[in-house]
Amino acid sequence: MPLFRIYNDAKKLVKRLNNQNILGEEDGDGNKSKYNFGVELLPGFQNKIDTGKRSSAVINSELGITIYVIKDDDEIPVATCSVLFYKKKKGPWYEPAGINKGYTVGHIYYVSSEIPGSNLGVIVFNLILYLAITNNVLELELENVTDNPERAANKKTGIYKLFDVNTKHLSLKDTTLAQFFAQPLEEQLLAVDAEMIYKLDPSSLSRWKKNINQILNKLDGRPWKGAAPALQSIFNIKSHSATSSTRHPTQRSTQRSTQRSTQRGTRHSAHRSKQSGTQRSTQSGTRHSAQSGTRHSKQSGTHRSKQNSTRRSGRGIRKTSRLGTIAEN
């Protein structure tokens, strides 16, 4: 993939953001300020681009860009993020020969914001990360040189929450990786000179969307105005996904398990009721048959007993009469 494509994608993204008119503010006197996103090549790469032509050096080897936010016609941006993308020609000493050869990687050099609490720096940083993910950049590295590296690297609230502590250059002499990661985050960062890394995987874009959506729902202060719906539309994010994503996976699995248990219970109860009905019918039929058979047997037996005794009595009478007759004769 030509690296210049990342620059073209960045220009298209910036244009879409500015068309949404999501940045601006008005002071107490009614004076309005306008903010715009912008993108430019880093100075060292600007010289490689001729008008209407693309330098093969930029396309095939490396590319440096900055995404920024500028207020009115000021020369100094209020937020910037600069990155260098480049092709790996060969694996470094800690990787087998040839691994990742020809893949695009990147290094973020600078992230800044001049308006405290505005999240402008967070947004431009995540725009760079978005470009890296959508252009299949294998790895993205940075030095966590913020005023509070531990807070910036926090997995729940930090600006670098999607990044991991970079252990590529870590020399493990008296410890293992498991023991290293068991240490407090502050000590981990000190051991690797605050180096962090993001590695591309199949879930990268979905995780990025989940993270940016949580950020967008907090953009309710200056200089933002109705930013969340517009940015959700640009990045194809469902507006309700932040709510659903805040549920813990255990809660979702518990709910699914409860639903399945309820369904199984309902089916089992219906099946049991059906069995019970069938069983009761069978038992009733059996009892009825048994009772009828018993009554019929008793009645038949009684009837036959009476008939037999009657016949026996008749024979006895006849015998008696005959004997009597003989005796009389």
C-alpha atoms as a PDB file:
ATOM      1  CA  MET A   1       0.000   0.000   0.000  1.00  0.00           C
ATOM      2  CA  PRO A   2       1.463   3.417  -0.954  1.00  0.00           C
ATOM      3  CA  LEU A   3       1.961   5.512   2.170  1.00  0.00           C
ATOM      4  CA  PHE A   4       0.669   8.576   0.363  1.00  0.00           C
ATOM      5  CA  ARG A   5      -2.794   7.042   0.554  1.00  0.00           C
ATOM      6  CA  ILE A   6      -2.800   7.764   4.304  1.00  0.00           C
ATOM      7  CA  TYR A   7      -2.253  11.458   3.557  1.00  0.00           C
ATOM      8  CA  ASN A   8      -5.118  11.481   1.049  1.00  0.00           C
ATOM      9  CA  ASP A   9      -7.413   9.755   3.554  1.00  0.00           C
ATOM     10  CA  ALA A  10      -6.439  12.336   6.178  1.00  0.00           C
ATOM     11  CA  LYS A  11      -7.375  15.204   3.843  1.00  0.00           C
ATOM     12  CA  LYS A  12     -10.765  13.635   3.115  1.00  0.00           C
ATOM     13  CA  LEU A  13     -11.415  13.066   6.812  1.00  0.00           C
ATOM     14  CA  VAL A  14     -10.502  16.659   7.724  1.00  0.00           C
ATOM     15  CA  LYS A  15     -12.797  17.986   4.991  1.00  0.00           C
ATOM     16  CA  ARG A  16     -15.727  15.951   6.305  1.00  0.00           C
ATOM     17  CA  LEU A  17     -15.093  17.180   9.852  1.00  0.00           C
ATOM     18  CA  ASN A  18     -15.020  20.832   8.788  1.00  0.00           C
ATOM     19  CA  ASN A  19     -18.205  20.434   6.733  1.00  0.00           C
ATOM     20  CA  GLN A  20     -20.047  19.419   9.915  1.00  0.00           C
ATOM     21  CA  ASN A  21     -19.291  22.769  11.576  1.00  0.00           C
ATOM     22  CA  ILE A  22     -18.870  21.166  15.010  1.00  0.00           C
ATOM     23  CA  LEU A  23     -16.307  23.599  16.444  1.00  0.00           C
ATOM     24  CA  GLY A  24     -16.966  27.203  17.445  1.00  0.00           C
ATOM     25  CA  GLU A  25     -17.764  29.464  20.376  1.00  0.00           C
ATOM     26  CA  GLU A  26     -19.137  32.885  21.231  1.00  0.00           C
ATOM     27  CA  ASP A  27     -17.942  35.169  24.026  1.00  0.00           C
ATOM     28  CA  GLY A  28     -20.061  37.408  26.250  1.00  0.00           C
ATOM     29  CA  ASP A  29     -19.874  40.288  23.779  1.00  0.00           C
ATOM     30  CA  GLY A  30     -21.247  38.201  20.929  1.00  0.00           C
ATOM     31  CA  ASN A  31     -17.895  37.748  19.199  1.00  0.00           C
ATOM     32  CA  LYS A  32     -17.749  34.393  17.464  1.00  0.00           C
ATOM     33  CA  SER A  33     -14.643  32.273  17.040  1.00  0.00           C
ATOM     34  CA  LYS A  34     -14.289  29.628  14.388  1.00  0.00           C
ATOM     35  CA  TYR A  35     -12.174  26.488  14.618  1.00  0.00           C
ATOM     36  CA  ASN A  36     -11.055  24.255  11.761  1.00  0.00           C
ATOM     37  CA  PHE A  37      -9.325  20.926  11.450  1.00  0.00           C
ATOM     38  CA  GLY A  38      -6.300  20.734   9.190  1.00  0.00           C
ATOM     39  CA  VAL A  39      -3.677  18.296   7.930  1.00  0.00           C
ATOM     40  CA  GLU A  40      -0.248  18.894   6.488  1.00  0.00           C
ATOM     41  CA  LEU A  41       2.928  17.029   5.736  1.00  0.00           C
ATOM     42  CA  LEU A  42       5.740  17.442   8.204  1.00  0.00           C
ATOM     43  CA  PRO A  43       8.319  19.985   6.965  1.00  0.00           C
ATOM     44  CA  GLY A  44      10.852  17.356   5.986  1.00  0.00           C
ATOM     45  CA  PHE A  45       8.294  15.679   3.718  1.00  0.00           C
ATOM     46  CA  GLN A  46       6.699  18.797   2.303  1.00  0.00           C
ATOM     47  CA  ASN A  47       9.896  19.424   0.350  1.00  0.00           C
ATOM     48  CA  LYS A  48       9.598  16.005  -1.291  1.00  0.00           C
ATOM     49  CA  ILE A  49       6.242  16.806  -2.893  1.00  0.00           C
ATOM     50  CA  ASP A  50       6.221  18.548  -6.250  1.00  0.00           C
ATOM     51  CA  THR A  51       3.110  20.313  -7.480  1.00  0.00           C
ATOM     52  CA  GLY A  52       0.823  17.739  -9.083  1.00  0.00           C
ATOM     53  CA  LYS A  53       3.367  14.942  -8.598  1.00  0.00           C
ATOM     54  CA  ARG A  54       4.022  12.354  -5.915  1.00  0.00           C
ATOM     55  CA  SER A  55       7.551  11.632  -4.815  1.00  0.00           C
ATOM     56  CA  SER A  56       8.430   7.944  -4.991  1.00  0.00           C
ATOM     57  CA  ALA A  57      10.433   8.395  -1.795  1.00  0.00           C
ATOM     58  CA  VAL A  58       7.310   9.426   0.090  1.00  0.00           C
ATOM     59  CA  ILE A  59       5.117   6.758  -1.508  1.00  0.00           C
ATOM     60  CA  ASN A  60       7.457   3.849  -0.906  1.00  0.00           C
ATOM     61  CA  SER A  61       9.424   4.556   2.262  1.00  0.00           C
ATOM     62  CA  GLU A  62       8.062   6.975   4.865  1.00  0.00           C
ATOM     63  CA  LEU A  63       5.503   9.705   5.412  1.00  0.00           C
ATOM     64  CA  GLY A  64       5.143  12.281   8.171  1.00  0.00           C
ATOM     65  CA  ILE A  65       1.874  14.146   8.756  1.00  0.00           C
ATOM     66  CA  THR A  66       0.278  16.402  11.377  1.00  0.00           C
ATOM     67  CA  ILE A  67      -3.444  16.723  12.115  1.00  0.00           C
ATOM     68  CA  TYR A  68      -4.271  19.919  13.949  1.00  0.00           C
ATOM     69  CA  VAL A  69      -7.041  22.277  15.065  1.00  0.00           C
ATOM     70  CA  ILE A  70      -6.599  25.994  14.452  1.00  0.00           C
ATOM     71  CA  LYS A  71      -8.645  28.917  15.798  1.00  0.00           C
ATOM     72  CA  ASP A  72      -9.686  31.669  13.405  1.00  0.00           C
ATOM     73  CA  ASP A  73      -6.589  32.785  11.500  1.00  0.00           C
ATOM     74  CA  ASP A  74      -4.067  32.067  14.245  1.00  0.00           C
ATOM     75  CA  GLU A  75      -0.757  30.658  13.130  1.00  0.00           C
ATOM     76  CA  ILE A  76      -0.319  28.428  16.178  1.00  0.00           C
ATOM     77  CA  PRO A  77      -2.715  25.465  16.401  1.00  0.00           C
ATOM     78  CA  VAL A  78      -4.650  24.864  19.600  1.00  0.00           C
ATOM     79  CA  ALA A  79      -4.219  21.076  19.237  1.00  0.00           C
ATOM     80  CA  THR A  80      -1.829  18.904  17.214  1.00  0.00           C
ATOM     81  CA  CYS A  81      -0.772  15.313  16.715  1.00  0.00           C
ATOM     82  CA  SER A  82       2.243  14.417  14.559  1.00  0.00           C
ATOM     83  CA  VAL A  83       3.146  10.943  13.321  1.00  0.00           C
ATOM     84  CA  LEU A  84       5.719   9.263  11.097  1.00  0.00           C
ATOM     85  CA  PHE A  85       4.609   6.243   9.057  1.00  0.00           C
ATOM     86  CA  TYR A  86       7.254   4.056   7.445  1.00  0.00           C
ATOM     87  CA  LYS A  87       7.814   0.644   5.901  1.00  0.00           C
ATOM     88  CA  LYS A  88       9.783  -1.930   7.805  1.00  0.00           C
ATOM     89  CA  LYS A  89      12.641  -3.093   5.596  1.00  0.00           C
ATOM     90  CA  LYS A  90      13.760  -5.835   7.949  1.00  0.00           C
ATOM     91  CA  GLY A  91      13.024  -7.115  11.392  1.00  0.00           C
ATOM     92  CA  PRO A  92      15.043  -5.603  14.264  1.00  0.00           C
ATOM     93  CA  TRP A  93      17.437  -7.648  16.355  1.00  0.00           C
ATOM     94  CA  TYR A  94      14.714  -8.900  18.712  1.00  0.00           C
ATOM     95  CA  GLU A  95      12.599 -10.375  15.896  1.00  0.00           C
ATOM     96  CA  PRO A  96      13.343 -13.331  13.577  1.00  0.00           C
ATOM     97  CA  ALA A  97      14.819 -12.335  10.248  1.00  0.00           C
ATOM     98  CA  GLY A  98      12.249 -11.113   7.763  1.00  0.00           C
ATOM     99  CA  ILE A  99       9.256 -10.948  10.116  1.00  0.00           C
ATOM    100  CA  ASN A 100       7.024  -7.901   9.472  1.00  0.00           C
ATOM    101  CA  LYS A 101       9.165  -7.070   6.453  1.00  0.00           C
ATOM    102  CA  GLY A 102       7.366  -4.610   4.205  1.00  0.00           C
ATOM    103  CA  TYR A 103       4.644  -3.858   6.742  1.00  0.00           C
ATOM    104  CA  THR A 104       3.724  -0.282   7.614  1.00  0.00           C
ATOM    105  CA  VAL A 105       4.406   0.887  11.156  1.00  0.00           C
ATOM    106  CA  GLY A 106       4.253   4.285  12.773  1.00  0.00           C
ATOM    107  CA  HIS A 107       5.654   6.431  15.548  1.00  0.00           C
ATOM    108  CA  ILE A 108       3.688   9.263  17.182  1.00  0.00           C
ATOM    109  CA  TYR A 109       6.033  12.121  18.005  1.00  0.00           C
ATOM    110  CA  TYR A 110       3.878  14.808  19.496  1.00  0.00           C
ATOM    111  CA  VAL A 111       0.408  15.341  21.005  1.00  0.00           C
ATOM    112  CA  SER A 112      -0.640  18.705  22.443  1.00  0.00           C
ATOM    113  CA  SER A 113      -3.681  20.766  23.422  1.00  0.00           C
ATOM    114  CA  GLU A 114      -3.739  24.438  24.420  1.00  0.00           C
ATOM    115  CA  ILE A 115      -7.307  24.503  25.798  1.00  0.00           C
ATOM    116  CA  PRO A 116      -7.504  22.541  29.070  1.00  0.00           C
ATOM    117  CA  GLY A 117     -10.499  20.250  29.352  1.00  0.00           C
ATOM    118  CA  SER A 118     -11.499  20.661  25.697  1.00  0.00           C
ATOM    119  CA  ASN A 119     -10.488  17.117  24.613  1.00  0.00           C
ATOM    120  CA  LEU A 120      -9.116  18.599  21.385  1.00  0.00           C
ATOM    121  CA  GLY A 121      -5.798  16.810  21.854  1.00  0.00           C
ATOM    122  CA  VAL A 122      -7.632  13.557  22.568  1.00  0.00           C
ATOM    123  CA  ILE A 123      -9.642  13.896  19.345  1.00  0.00           C
ATOM    124  CA  VAL A 124      -6.725  14.684  17.004  1.00  0.00           C
ATOM    125  CA  PHE A 125      -4.749  11.833  18.566  1.00  0.00           C
ATOM    126  CA  ASN A 126      -7.633   9.421  17.926  1.00  0.00           C
ATOM    127  CA  LEU A 127      -7.946  10.680  14.344  1.00  0.00           C
ATOM    128  CA  ILE A 128      -4.341   9.607  13.758  1.00  0.00           C
ATOM    129  CA  LEU A 129      -5.079   6.255  15.373  1.00  0.00           C
ATOM    130  CA  TYR A 130      -8.157   5.874  13.141  1.00  0.00           C
ATOM    131  CA  LEU A 131      -6.076   6.503  10.010  1.00  0.00           C
ATOM    132  CA  ALA A 132      -3.515   3.938  11.177  1.00  0.00           C
ATOM    133  CA  ILE A 133      -6.162   1.265  11.793  1.00  0.00           C
ATOM    134  CA  THR A 134      -8.068   1.819   8.548  1.00  0.00           C
ATOM    135  CA  ASN A 135      -4.810   1.713   6.555  1.00  0.00           C
ATOM    136  CA  ASN A 136      -3.587  -1.513   8.195  1.00  0.00           C
ATOM    137  CA  VAL A 137      -0.646  -0.003  10.059  1.00  0.00           C
ATOM    138  CA  LEU A 138       0.746  -2.984  11.960  1.00  0.00           C
ATOM    139  CA  GLU A 139       2.155  -1.136  14.963  1.00  0.00           C
ATOM    140  CA  LEU A 140       2.046   2.369  16.375  1.00  0.00           C
ATOM    141  CA  GLU A 141       4.535   3.434  19.038  1.00  0.00           C
ATOM    142  CA  LEU A 142       4.905   6.518  21.235  1.00  0.00           C
ATOM    143  CA  GLU A 143       6.698   7.860  24.295  1.00  0.00           C
ATOM    144  CA  ASN A 144       4.309   8.637  27.114  1.00  0.00           C
ATOM    145  CA  VAL A 145       5.886  11.954  28.121  1.00  0.00           C
ATOM    146  CA  THR A 146       2.762  13.530  29.593  1.00  0.00           C
ATOM    147  CA  ASP A 147       2.813  15.314  32.956  1.00  0.00           C
ATOM    148  CA  ASN A 148       1.218  12.187  34.469  1.00  0.00           C
ATOM    149  CA  PRO A 149       2.199   9.076  32.433  1.00  0.00           C
ATOM    150  CA  GLU A 150       0.328   6.688  34.722  1.00  0.00           C
ATOM    151  CA  ARG A 151      -2.924   8.602  34.271  1.00  0.00           C
ATOM    152  CA  ALA A 152      -2.443   8.813  30.483  1.00  0.00           C
ATOM    153  CA  ALA A 153      -1.871   5.030  30.307  1.00  0.00           C
ATOM    154  CA  ASN A 154      -4.838   4.141  32.528  1.00  0.00           C
ATOM    155  CA  LYS A 155      -6.859   1.376  30.813  1.00  0.00           C
ATOM    156  CA  LYS A 156     -10.186   2.971  31.744  1.00  0.00           C
ATOM    157  CA  THR A 157      -9.728   6.718  31.428  1.00  0.00           C
ATOM    158  CA  GLY A 158      -6.319   7.482  29.873  1.00  0.00           C
ATOM    159  CA  ILE A 159      -5.732   9.042  26.464  1.00  0.00           C
ATOM    160  CA  TYR A 160      -3.466   6.057  25.683  1.00  0.00           C
ATOM    161  CA  LYS A 161      -5.881   3.449  27.089  1.00  0.00           C
ATOM    162  CA  LEU A 162      -5.721   1.381  23.859  1.00  0.00           C
ATOM    163  CA  PHE A 163      -1.921   1.202  24.040  1.00  0.00           C
ATOM    164  CA  ASP A 164       0.173  -1.289  26.013  1.00  0.00           C
ATOM    165  CA  VAL A 165       3.504  -0.925  27.783  1.00  0.00           C
ATOM    166  CA  ASN A 166       6.151  -1.623  25.142  1.00  0.00           C
ATOM    167  CA  THR A 167       8.434  -4.427  26.329  1.00  0.00           C
ATOM    168  CA  LYS A 168      10.323  -4.886  23.044  1.00  0.00           C
ATOM    169  CA  HIS A 169      13.498  -3.339  24.380  1.00  0.00           C
ATOM    170  CA  LEU A 170      13.104  -4.592  27.926  1.00  0.00           C
ATOM    171  CA  SER A 171      15.998  -6.647  29.207  1.00  0.00           C
ATOM    172  CA  LEU A 172      14.668  -9.401  31.444  1.00  0.00           C
ATOM    173  CA  LYS A 173      17.549 -10.576  33.619  1.00  0.00           C
ATOM    174  CA  ASP A 174      16.159 -11.318  37.049  1.00  0.00           C
ATOM    175  CA  THR A 175      12.471 -11.350  36.271  1.00  0.00           C
ATOM    176  CA  THR A 176       9.824 -12.748  33.901  1.00  0.00           C
ATOM    177  CA  LEU A 177       7.190 -10.908  31.871  1.00  0.00           C
ATOM    178  CA  ALA A 178       4.511 -12.131  34.268  1.00  0.00           C
ATOM    179  CA  GLN A 179       6.445 -10.667  37.209  1.00  0.00           C
ATOM    180  CA  PHE A 180       7.063  -7.464  35.262  1.00  0.00           C
ATOM    181  CA  PHE A 181       3.355  -6.908  34.536  1.00  0.00           C
ATOM    182  CA  ALA A 182       2.507  -7.715  38.159  1.00  0.00           C
ATOM    183  CA  GLN A 183       4.268  -4.479  39.134  1.00  0.00           C
ATOM    184  CA  PRO A 184       2.354  -1.177  39.448  1.00  0.00           C
ATOM    185  CA  LEU A 185       1.847   0.617  36.132  1.00  0.00           C
ATOM    186  CA  GLU A 186       4.096   3.472  37.200  1.00  0.00           C
ATOM    187  CA  GLU A 187       7.039   1.111  37.717  1.00  0.00           C
ATOM    188  CA  GLN A 188       6.401  -0.626  34.381  1.00  0.00           C
ATOM    189  CA  LEU A 189       6.558   2.704  32.549  1.00  0.00           C
ATOM    190  CA  LEU A 190       9.746   3.703  34.343  1.00  0.00           C
ATOM    191  CA  ALA A 191      11.391   0.401  33.356  1.00  0.00           C
ATOM    192  CA  VAL A 192      10.710   0.953  29.615  1.00  0.00           C
ATOM    193  CA  ASP A 193      11.302   4.734  29.526  1.00  0.00           C
ATOM    194  CA  ALA A 194       7.530   5.315  29.130  1.00  0.00           C
ATOM    195  CA  GLU A 195       7.436   3.586  25.724  1.00  0.00           C
ATOM    196  CA  MET A 196       4.006   2.312  24.659  1.00  0.00           C
ATOM    197  CA  ILE A 197       2.757   0.369  21.641  1.00  0.00           C
ATOM    198  CA  TYR A 198      -0.476  -0.317  19.803  1.00  0.00           C
ATOM    199  CA  LYS A 199      -0.723  -3.539  17.772  1.00  0.00           C
ATOM    200  CA  LEU A 200      -3.280  -4.013  15.030  1.00  0.00           C
ATOM    201  CA  ASP A 201      -5.677  -6.943  15.451  1.00  0.00           C
ATOM    202  CA  PRO A 202      -9.099  -7.961  14.033  1.00  0.00           C
ATOM    203  CA  SER A 203     -10.933  -6.112  16.818  1.00  0.00           C
ATOM    204  CA  SER A 204      -8.975  -2.853  16.476  1.00  0.00           C
ATOM    205  CA  LEU A 205     -11.641  -0.827  14.667  1.00  0.00           C
ATOM    206  CA  SER A 206     -14.509  -1.957  16.901  1.00  0.00           C
ATOM    207  CA  ARG A 207     -12.467  -1.176  20.030  1.00  0.00           C
ATOM    208  CA  TRP A 208     -11.554   2.236  18.591  1.00  0.00           C
ATOM    209  CA  LYS A 209     -15.231   3.005  17.886  1.00  0.00           C
ATOM    210  CA  LYS A 210     -16.233   1.993  21.395  1.00  0.00           C
ATOM    211  CA  ASN A 211     -13.552   4.251  22.863  1.00  0.00           C
ATOM    212  CA  ILE A 212     -14.236   7.278  20.650  1.00  0.00           C
ATOM    213  CA  ASN A 213     -17.971   7.004  21.293  1.00  0.00           C
ATOM    214  CA  GLN A 214     -17.372   7.247  25.033  1.00  0.00           C
ATOM    215  CA  ILE A 215     -15.276  10.372  24.380  1.00  0.00           C
ATOM    216  CA  LEU A 216     -17.848  11.929  22.029  1.00  0.00           C
ATOM    217  CA  ASN A 217     -20.606  11.698  24.619  1.00  0.00           C
ATOM    218  CA  LYS A 218     -18.497  13.932  26.899  1.00  0.00           C
ATOM    219  CA  LEU A 219     -17.958  16.705  24.322  1.00  0.00           C
ATOM    220  CA  ASP A 220     -20.444  19.159  25.785  1.00  0.00           C
ATOM    221  CA  GLY A 221     -18.139  22.074  26.598  1.00  0.00           C
ATOM    222  CA  ARG A 222     -16.273  24.684  24.608  1.00  0.00           C
ATOM    223  CA  PRO A 223     -15.452  24.756  21.772  1.00  0.00           C
ATOM    224  CA  TRP A 224     -17.696  21.840  20.740  1.00  0.00           C
ATOM    225  CA  LYS A 225     -21.283  22.275  19.568  1.00  0.00           C
ATOM    226  CA  GLY A 226     -23.402  19.217  18.842  1.00  0.00           C
ATOM    227  CA  ALA A 227     -20.319  17.206  17.975  1.00  0.00           C
ATOM    228  CA  ALA A 228     -21.394  13.720  19.067  1.00  0.00           C
ATOM    229  CA  PRO A 229     -24.150  13.026  16.462  1.00  0.00           C
ATOM    230  CA  ALA A 230     -22.054  14.444  13.620  1.00  0.00           C
ATOM    231  CA  LEU A 231     -18.934  12.460  14.492  1.00  0.00           C
ATOM    232  CA  GLN A 232     -20.953   9.304  15.138  1.00  0.00           C
ATOM    233  CA  SER A 233     -22.303   9.670  11.618  1.00  0.00           C
ATOM    234  CA  ILE A 234     -18.834  10.205  10.105  1.00  0.00           C
ATOM    235  CA  PHE A 235     -17.398   7.119  11.795  1.00  0.00           C
ATOM    236  CA  ASN A 236     -20.557   5.014  11.370  1.00  0.00           C
ATOM    237  CA  ILE A 237     -21.113   4.579  15.091  1.00  0.00           C
ATOM    238  CA  LYS A 238     -24.554   3.737  16.474  1.00  0.00           C
ATOM    239  CA  SER A 239     -25.626   6.367  18.970  1.00  0.00           C
ATOM    240  CA  HIS A 240     -26.769   3.782  21.535  1.00  0.00           C
ATOM    241  CA  SER A 241     -23.554   1.734  21.444  1.00  0.00           C
ATOM    242  CA  ALA A 242     -21.979   3.679  24.303  1.00  0.00           C
ATOM    243  CA  THR A 243     -24.828   2.682  26.592  1.00  0.00           C
ATOM    244  CA  SER A 244     -24.730  -0.943  25.569  1.00  0.00           C
ATOM    245  CA  SER A 245     -20.971  -1.096  25.663  1.00  0.00           C
ATOM    246  CA  THR A 246     -20.867   0.096  29.274  1.00  0.00           C
ATOM    247  CA  ARG A 247     -22.462  -3.113  30.398  1.00  0.00           C
ATOM    248  CA  HIS A 248     -19.927  -5.557  31.674  1.00  0.00           C
ATOM    249  CA  PRO A 249     -19.541  -8.735  29.552  1.00  0.00           C
ATOM    250  CA  THR A 250     -20.479 -10.736  32.652  1.00  0.00           C
ATOM    251  CA  GLN A 251     -23.762  -8.860  32.858  1.00  0.00           C
ATOM    252  CA  ARG A 252     -24.512  -9.580  29.222  1.00  0.00           C
ATOM    253  CA  SER A 253     -23.628 -13.255  29.597  1.00  0.00           C
ATOM    254  CA  THR A 254     -25.676 -13.462  32.813  1.00  0.00           C
ATOM    255  CA  GLN A 255     -28.657 -11.946  31.036  1.00  0.00           C
ATOM    256  CA  ARG A 256     -28.283 -14.370  28.143  1.00  0.00           C
ATOM    257  CA  SER A 257     -27.943 -17.277  30.586  1.00  0.00           C
ATOM    258  CA  THR A 258     -31.057 -16.132  32.461  1.00  0.00           C
ATOM    259  CA  GLN A 259     -32.992 -15.906  29.206  1.00  0.00           C
ATOM    260  CA  ARG A 260     -31.819 -19.343  28.156  1.00  0.00           C
ATOM    261  CA  SER A 261     -32.643 -20.770  31.592  1.00  0.00           C
ATOM    262  CA  THR A 262     -36.099 -19.199  31.473  1.00  0.00           C
ATOM    263  CA  GLN A 263     -36.703 -20.592  28.010  1.00  0.00           C
ATOM    264  CA  ARG A 264     -35.459 -24.015  29.075  1.00  0.00           C
ATOM    265  CA  GLY A 265     -37.574 -23.809  32.226  1.00  0.00           C
ATOM    266  CA  THR A 266     -40.653 -22.879  30.213  1.00  0.00           C
ATOM    267  CA  ARG A 267     -40.067 -25.683  27.745  1.00  0.00           C
ATOM    268  CA  HIS A 268     -39.325 -28.102  30.591  1.00  0.00           C
ATOM    269  CA  SER A 269     -42.469 -27.052  32.477  1.00  0.00           C
ATOM    270  CA  ALA A 270     -44.578 -27.445  29.352  1.00  0.00           C
ATOM    271  CA  HIS A 271     -43.009 -30.823  28.708  1.00  0.00           C
ATOM    272  CA  ARG A 272     -43.513 -31.825  32.332  1.00  0.00           C
ATOM    273  CA  SER A 273     -47.132 -30.639  32.225  1.00  0.00           C
ATOM    274  CA  LYS A 274     -47.677 -32.606  29.056  1.00  0.00           C
ATOM    275  CA  GLN A 275     -46.073 -35.660  30.648  1.00  0.00           C
ATOM    276  CA  SER A 276     -48.093 -35.172  33.830  1.00  0.00           C
ATOM    277  CA  GLY A 277     -51.284 -34.813  31.815  1.00  0.00           C
ATOM    278  CA  THR A 278     -50.484 -37.907  29.837  1.00  0.00           C
ATOM    279  CA  GLN A 279     -49.469 -39.730  32.976  1.00  0.00           C
ATOM    280  CA  ARG A 280     -52.629 -38.658  34.798  1.00  0.00           C
ATOM    281  CA  SER A 281     -54.719 -39.670  31.830  1.00  0.00           C
ATOM    282  CA  THR A 282     -52.943 -42.992  31.684  1.00  0.00           C
ATOM    283  CA  GLN A 283     -53.312 -43.472  35.422  1.00  0.00           C
ATOM    284  CA  SER A 284     -56.966 -42.488  35.311  1.00  0.00           C
ATOM    285  CA  GLY A 285     -57.505 -44.818  32.408  1.00  0.00           C
ATOM    286  CA  THR A 286     -55.652 -47.524  34.218  1.00  0.00           C
ATOM    287  CA  ARG A 287     -57.559 -46.937  37.426  1.00  0.00           C
ATOM    288  CA  HIS A 288     -60.815 -46.767  35.537  1.00  0.00           C
ATOM    289  CA  SER A 289     -59.965 -49.905  33.621  1.00  0.00           C
ATOM    290  CA  ALA A 290     -58.799 -51.589  36.793  1.00  0.00           C
ATOM    291  CA  GLN A 291     -61.890 -50.514  38.700  1.00  0.00           C
ATOM    292  CA  SER A 292     -64.177 -51.448  35.849  1.00  0.00           C
ATOM    293  CA  GLY A 293     -62.360 -54.720  35.442  1.00  0.00           C
ATOM    294  CA  THR A 294     -62.557 -55.350  39.164  1.00  0.00           C
ATOM    295  CA  ARG A 295     -66.220 -54.477  39.354  1.00  0.00           C
ATOM    296  CA  HIS A 296     -66.902 -56.517  36.265  1.00  0.00           C
ATOM    297  CA  SER A 297     -64.833 -59.394  37.644  1.00  0.00           C
ATOM    298  CA  LYS A 298     -66.586 -59.179  40.992  1.00  0.00           C
ATOM    299  CA  GLN A 299     -69.969 -58.921  39.393  1.00  0.00           C
ATOM    300  CA  SER A 300     -69.199 -61.743  36.993  1.00  0.00           C
ATOM    301  CA  GLY A 301     -67.747 -63.804  39.784  1.00  0.00           C
ATOM    302  CA  THR A 302     -70.777 -63.152  42.023  1.00  0.00           C
ATOM    303  CA  HIS A 303     -73.149 -63.883  39.189  1.00  0.00           C
ATOM    304  CA  ARG A 304     -71.354 -67.076  38.330  1.00  0.00           C
ATOM    305  CA  SER A 305     -71.164 -68.050  42.016  1.00  0.00           C
ATOM    306  CA  LYS A 306     -74.890 -67.536  42.382  1.00  0.00           C
ATOM    307  CA  GLN A 307     -75.554 -69.488  39.226  1.00  0.00           C
ATOM    308  CA  ASN A 308     -73.282 -72.287  40.343  1.00  0.00           C
ATOM    309  CA  SER A 309     -74.775 -72.405  43.803  1.00  0.00           C
ATOM    310  CA  THR A 310     -78.217 -72.302  42.312  1.00  0.00           C
ATOM    311  CA  ARG A 311     -77.357 -75.119  39.953  1.00  0.00           C
ATOM    312  CA  ARG A 312     -75.769 -76.996  42.829  1.00  0.00           C
ATOM    313  CA  SER A 313     -78.821 -76.329  44.959  1.00  0.00           C
ATOM    314  CA  GLY A 314     -81.090 -77.482  42.130  1.00  0.00           C
ATOM    315  CA  ARG A 315     -79.152 -80.667  41.739  1.00  0.00           C
ATOM    316  CA  GLY A 316     -79.354 -81.119  45.479  1.00  0.00           C
ATOM    317  CA  ILE A 317     -83.100 -80.589  45.418  1.00  0.00           C
ATOM    318  CA  ARG A 318     -83.513 -82.984  42.560  1.00  0.00           C
ATOM    319  CA  LYS A 319     -81.359 -85.532  44.317  1.00  0.00           C
ATOM    320  CA  THR A 320     -83.297 -85.055  47.528  1.00  0.00           C
ATOM    321  CA  SER A 321     -86.597 -85.424  45.790  1.00  0.00           C
ATOM    322  CA  ARG A 322     -85.405 -88.487  43.972  1.00  0.00           C
ATOM    323  CA  LEU A 323     -84.109 -89.947  47.169  1.00  0.00           C
ATOM    324  CA  GLY A 324     -87.289 -88.984  48.808  1.00  0.00           C
ATOM    325  CA  THR A 325     -89.286 -90.592  46.071  1.00  0.00           C
ATOM    326  CA  ILE A 326     -87.244 -93.739  46.276  1.00  0.00           C
ATOM    327  CA  ALA A 327     -87.629 -93.810  50.002  1.00  0.00           C
ATOM    328  CA  GLU A 328     -91.304 -93.371  49.690  1.00  0.00           C
ATOM    329  CA  ASN A 329     -91.509 -96.157  47.149  1.00  0.00           C
END
